[in-house]
N, C-alpha and C. Protein backbone atom coordinates (compact mmCIF):
# COMPACT_ATOMS: atom_id res chain seq x y z
N MET A 1 -8.31 -21.54 -17.37
CA MET A 1 -7.71 -21.44 -16.05
C MET A 1 -8.11 -22.68 -15.26
N GLU A 2 -7.13 -23.32 -14.65
CA GLU A 2 -7.38 -24.54 -13.89
C GLU A 2 -8.04 -24.23 -12.54
N ASN A 3 -8.74 -25.22 -12.00
CA ASN A 3 -9.42 -25.06 -10.71
C ASN A 3 -8.44 -24.72 -9.60
N THR A 4 -7.24 -25.31 -9.63
CA THR A 4 -6.27 -25.02 -8.58
C THR A 4 -5.78 -23.58 -8.66
N GLU A 5 -5.68 -23.04 -9.87
CA GLU A 5 -5.27 -21.64 -10.01
C GLU A 5 -6.37 -20.70 -9.53
N ILE A 6 -7.62 -21.04 -9.81
CA ILE A 6 -8.75 -20.25 -9.32
C ILE A 6 -8.78 -20.28 -7.79
N LEU A 7 -8.59 -21.47 -7.22
CA LEU A 7 -8.53 -21.60 -5.76
C LEU A 7 -7.41 -20.72 -5.19
N GLY A 8 -6.26 -20.74 -5.83
CA GLY A 8 -5.14 -19.91 -5.39
C GLY A 8 -5.46 -18.43 -5.45
N LEU A 9 -6.12 -18.00 -6.51
CA LEU A 9 -6.49 -16.59 -6.64
C LEU A 9 -7.51 -16.17 -5.58
N VAL A 10 -8.47 -17.04 -5.28
CA VAL A 10 -9.46 -16.73 -4.23
C VAL A 10 -8.76 -16.65 -2.88
N ALA A 11 -7.90 -17.62 -2.59
CA ALA A 11 -7.16 -17.61 -1.31
C ALA A 11 -6.28 -16.36 -1.22
N ALA A 12 -5.63 -16.00 -2.32
CA ALA A 12 -4.77 -14.81 -2.34
C ALA A 12 -5.58 -13.54 -2.07
N THR A 13 -6.75 -13.45 -2.67
CA THR A 13 -7.60 -12.28 -2.47
C THR A 13 -8.02 -12.15 -1.01
N ILE A 14 -8.41 -13.25 -0.42
CA ILE A 14 -8.88 -13.22 0.97
C ILE A 14 -7.75 -12.86 1.93
N THR A 15 -6.61 -13.52 1.80
CA THR A 15 -5.52 -13.25 2.74
C THR A 15 -4.90 -11.87 2.53
N THR A 16 -4.78 -11.45 1.30
CA THR A 16 -4.22 -10.13 1.02
C THR A 16 -5.12 -9.02 1.53
N SER A 17 -6.43 -9.19 1.37
CA SER A 17 -7.36 -8.15 1.81
C SER A 17 -7.34 -7.97 3.32
N GLY A 18 -6.82 -8.93 4.05
CA GLY A 18 -6.72 -8.82 5.49
C GLY A 18 -5.82 -7.68 5.96
N PHE A 19 -4.92 -7.22 5.11
CA PHE A 19 -4.02 -6.13 5.49
C PHE A 19 -4.62 -4.74 5.23
N ILE A 20 -5.66 -4.68 4.43
CA ILE A 20 -6.26 -3.39 4.08
C ILE A 20 -6.81 -2.67 5.31
N PRO A 21 -7.55 -3.34 6.21
CA PRO A 21 -8.05 -2.62 7.39
C PRO A 21 -6.93 -2.04 8.25
N GLN A 22 -5.80 -2.72 8.35
CA GLN A 22 -4.68 -2.22 9.15
C GLN A 22 -4.11 -0.94 8.54
N VAL A 23 -3.92 -0.95 7.23
CA VAL A 23 -3.39 0.24 6.55
C VAL A 23 -4.36 1.41 6.71
N LEU A 24 -5.64 1.16 6.52
CA LEU A 24 -6.65 2.23 6.64
C LEU A 24 -6.73 2.77 8.07
N LYS A 25 -6.63 1.88 9.06
CA LYS A 25 -6.69 2.33 10.46
C LYS A 25 -5.50 3.22 10.79
N ILE A 26 -4.33 2.82 10.36
CA ILE A 26 -3.14 3.64 10.61
C ILE A 26 -3.28 4.99 9.91
N TRP A 27 -3.73 4.95 8.68
CA TRP A 27 -3.88 6.18 7.89
C TRP A 27 -4.86 7.13 8.59
N LYS A 28 -5.97 6.58 9.07
CA LYS A 28 -7.00 7.39 9.72
C LYS A 28 -6.54 7.92 11.07
N ASP A 29 -6.00 7.04 11.92
CA ASP A 29 -5.61 7.41 13.28
C ASP A 29 -4.26 8.11 13.36
N LYS A 30 -3.44 7.93 12.33
CA LYS A 30 -2.07 8.47 12.33
C LYS A 30 -1.29 8.03 13.56
N SER A 31 -1.50 6.76 13.91
CA SER A 31 -0.83 6.18 15.07
C SER A 31 -0.39 4.76 14.75
N THR A 32 0.85 4.48 15.10
CA THR A 32 1.38 3.12 14.88
C THR A 32 2.04 2.58 16.15
N LYS A 33 1.66 3.13 17.30
CA LYS A 33 2.34 2.75 18.54
C LYS A 33 2.22 1.27 18.87
N ASP A 34 1.16 0.62 18.43
CA ASP A 34 0.96 -0.80 18.74
C ASP A 34 1.42 -1.72 17.61
N ILE A 35 2.10 -1.18 16.63
CA ILE A 35 2.57 -1.95 15.48
C ILE A 35 4.05 -2.29 15.68
N SER A 36 4.39 -3.55 15.49
CA SER A 36 5.78 -3.99 15.62
C SER A 36 6.51 -3.79 14.28
N LEU A 37 7.47 -2.88 14.27
CA LEU A 37 8.24 -2.62 13.06
C LEU A 37 9.03 -3.86 12.66
N ASN A 38 9.65 -4.54 13.63
CA ASN A 38 10.42 -5.74 13.32
C ASN A 38 9.58 -6.82 12.66
N MET A 39 8.37 -7.00 13.14
CA MET A 39 7.49 -8.01 12.56
C MET A 39 7.18 -7.67 11.10
N TYR A 40 6.87 -6.41 10.83
CA TYR A 40 6.53 -6.01 9.47
C TYR A 40 7.75 -6.03 8.55
N LEU A 41 8.93 -5.77 9.08
CA LEU A 41 10.14 -5.87 8.26
C LEU A 41 10.42 -7.33 7.90
N LEU A 42 10.29 -8.23 8.87
CA LEU A 42 10.48 -9.65 8.59
C LEU A 42 9.43 -10.16 7.60
N LEU A 43 8.21 -9.74 7.79
CA LEU A 43 7.13 -10.13 6.88
C LEU A 43 7.43 -9.64 5.47
N SER A 44 7.94 -8.42 5.35
CA SER A 44 8.29 -7.85 4.04
C SER A 44 9.35 -8.70 3.35
N LEU A 45 10.35 -9.11 4.09
CA LEU A 45 11.40 -9.94 3.52
C LEU A 45 10.83 -11.28 3.06
N GLY A 46 10.00 -11.89 3.87
CA GLY A 46 9.37 -13.14 3.49
C GLY A 46 8.51 -13.00 2.24
N LEU A 47 7.75 -11.92 2.18
CA LEU A 47 6.90 -11.68 1.01
C LEU A 47 7.73 -11.45 -0.25
N LEU A 48 8.84 -10.75 -0.10
CA LEU A 48 9.72 -10.53 -1.24
C LEU A 48 10.25 -11.87 -1.76
N LEU A 49 10.65 -12.74 -0.85
CA LEU A 49 11.14 -14.06 -1.26
C LEU A 49 10.04 -14.89 -1.91
N TRP A 50 8.82 -14.82 -1.37
CA TRP A 50 7.69 -15.52 -1.99
C TRP A 50 7.41 -14.96 -3.39
N LEU A 51 7.54 -13.65 -3.54
CA LEU A 51 7.33 -13.02 -4.84
C LEU A 51 8.35 -13.52 -5.86
N ILE A 52 9.60 -13.57 -5.46
CA ILE A 52 10.66 -14.09 -6.32
C ILE A 52 10.36 -15.56 -6.68
N TYR A 53 9.96 -16.32 -5.69
CA TYR A 53 9.59 -17.72 -5.92
C TYR A 53 8.43 -17.82 -6.92
N GLY A 54 7.44 -16.96 -6.76
CA GLY A 54 6.28 -16.96 -7.66
C GLY A 54 6.70 -16.73 -9.11
N PHE A 55 7.62 -15.79 -9.31
CA PHE A 55 8.13 -15.56 -10.67
C PHE A 55 8.91 -16.78 -11.17
N ALA A 56 9.66 -17.40 -10.28
CA ALA A 56 10.47 -18.55 -10.67
C ALA A 56 9.61 -19.73 -11.14
N ILE A 57 8.46 -19.92 -10.46
CA ILE A 57 7.59 -21.03 -10.85
C ILE A 57 6.45 -20.58 -11.77
N GLU A 58 6.45 -19.30 -12.11
CA GLU A 58 5.44 -18.71 -13.02
C GLU A 58 4.02 -18.97 -12.53
N SER A 59 3.78 -18.64 -11.26
CA SER A 59 2.47 -18.85 -10.65
C SER A 59 1.78 -17.51 -10.42
N LEU A 60 0.74 -17.24 -11.19
CA LEU A 60 0.02 -15.98 -11.07
C LEU A 60 -0.54 -15.76 -9.66
N PRO A 61 -1.18 -16.76 -9.03
CA PRO A 61 -1.69 -16.52 -7.67
C PRO A 61 -0.58 -16.16 -6.68
N VAL A 62 0.55 -16.82 -6.75
CA VAL A 62 1.66 -16.53 -5.83
C VAL A 62 2.21 -15.13 -6.10
N ILE A 63 2.35 -14.77 -7.37
CA ILE A 63 2.88 -13.45 -7.73
C ILE A 63 1.93 -12.35 -7.26
N LEU A 64 0.65 -12.48 -7.58
CA LEU A 64 -0.32 -11.44 -7.21
C LEU A 64 -0.47 -11.31 -5.70
N ALA A 65 -0.64 -12.44 -5.04
CA ALA A 65 -0.86 -12.40 -3.59
C ALA A 65 0.31 -11.74 -2.88
N ASN A 66 1.50 -12.17 -3.20
CA ASN A 66 2.66 -11.66 -2.49
C ASN A 66 3.08 -10.27 -2.96
N GLY A 67 2.86 -9.96 -4.23
CA GLY A 67 3.17 -8.62 -4.72
C GLY A 67 2.27 -7.56 -4.08
N ILE A 68 0.97 -7.82 -4.07
CA ILE A 68 0.02 -6.86 -3.49
C ILE A 68 0.19 -6.78 -1.98
N THR A 69 0.36 -7.93 -1.34
CA THR A 69 0.56 -7.93 0.12
C THR A 69 1.84 -7.20 0.48
N LEU A 70 2.89 -7.38 -0.31
CA LEU A 70 4.15 -6.67 -0.05
C LEU A 70 3.94 -5.16 -0.11
N ILE A 71 3.18 -4.69 -1.08
CA ILE A 71 2.88 -3.26 -1.17
C ILE A 71 2.14 -2.78 0.07
N LEU A 72 1.14 -3.55 0.51
CA LEU A 72 0.38 -3.17 1.70
C LEU A 72 1.25 -3.18 2.96
N VAL A 73 2.07 -4.19 3.10
CA VAL A 73 2.94 -4.31 4.27
C VAL A 73 3.99 -3.19 4.27
N LEU A 74 4.54 -2.88 3.11
CA LEU A 74 5.50 -1.77 3.03
C LEU A 74 4.83 -0.43 3.32
N SER A 75 3.54 -0.34 3.01
CA SER A 75 2.78 0.86 3.37
C SER A 75 2.71 1.00 4.89
N VAL A 76 2.48 -0.10 5.58
CA VAL A 76 2.46 -0.08 7.04
C VAL A 76 3.84 0.32 7.57
N VAL A 77 4.91 -0.22 6.99
CA VAL A 77 6.26 0.14 7.41
C VAL A 77 6.50 1.63 7.20
N ALA A 78 6.13 2.15 6.04
CA ALA A 78 6.31 3.57 5.75
C ALA A 78 5.53 4.44 6.73
N LEU A 79 4.30 4.05 7.01
CA LEU A 79 3.47 4.82 7.96
C LEU A 79 4.04 4.71 9.37
N LYS A 80 4.57 3.54 9.73
CA LYS A 80 5.19 3.37 11.04
C LYS A 80 6.35 4.33 11.19
N LEU A 81 7.17 4.44 10.15
CA LEU A 81 8.32 5.36 10.21
C LEU A 81 7.87 6.81 10.19
N LYS A 82 6.82 7.10 9.47
CA LYS A 82 6.32 8.49 9.38
C LYS A 82 5.70 8.95 10.70
N TYR A 83 4.91 8.11 11.34
CA TYR A 83 4.21 8.50 12.56
C TYR A 83 4.90 8.06 13.82
N LYS A 84 6.18 7.73 13.74
CA LYS A 84 6.97 7.24 14.87
C LYS A 84 7.06 8.28 15.96
């Protein structure tokens, strides 16, 4: 594994993990009143496009980061709709 790929995986882990506290807080509080649905929908679309791009260039860090983040962001969207 090349150093740049390792760097990408570390960066992906750090940025993706940033969404975990938000998902857990929503799950615990069962409140999404301060969450912007439009922002998370736009973010989801962007992540989907990055994921497609990652597959196109066959980049594991891009695929993992955006795939996992997309799941977390869609979890926020689902919880936003559930607790609306």
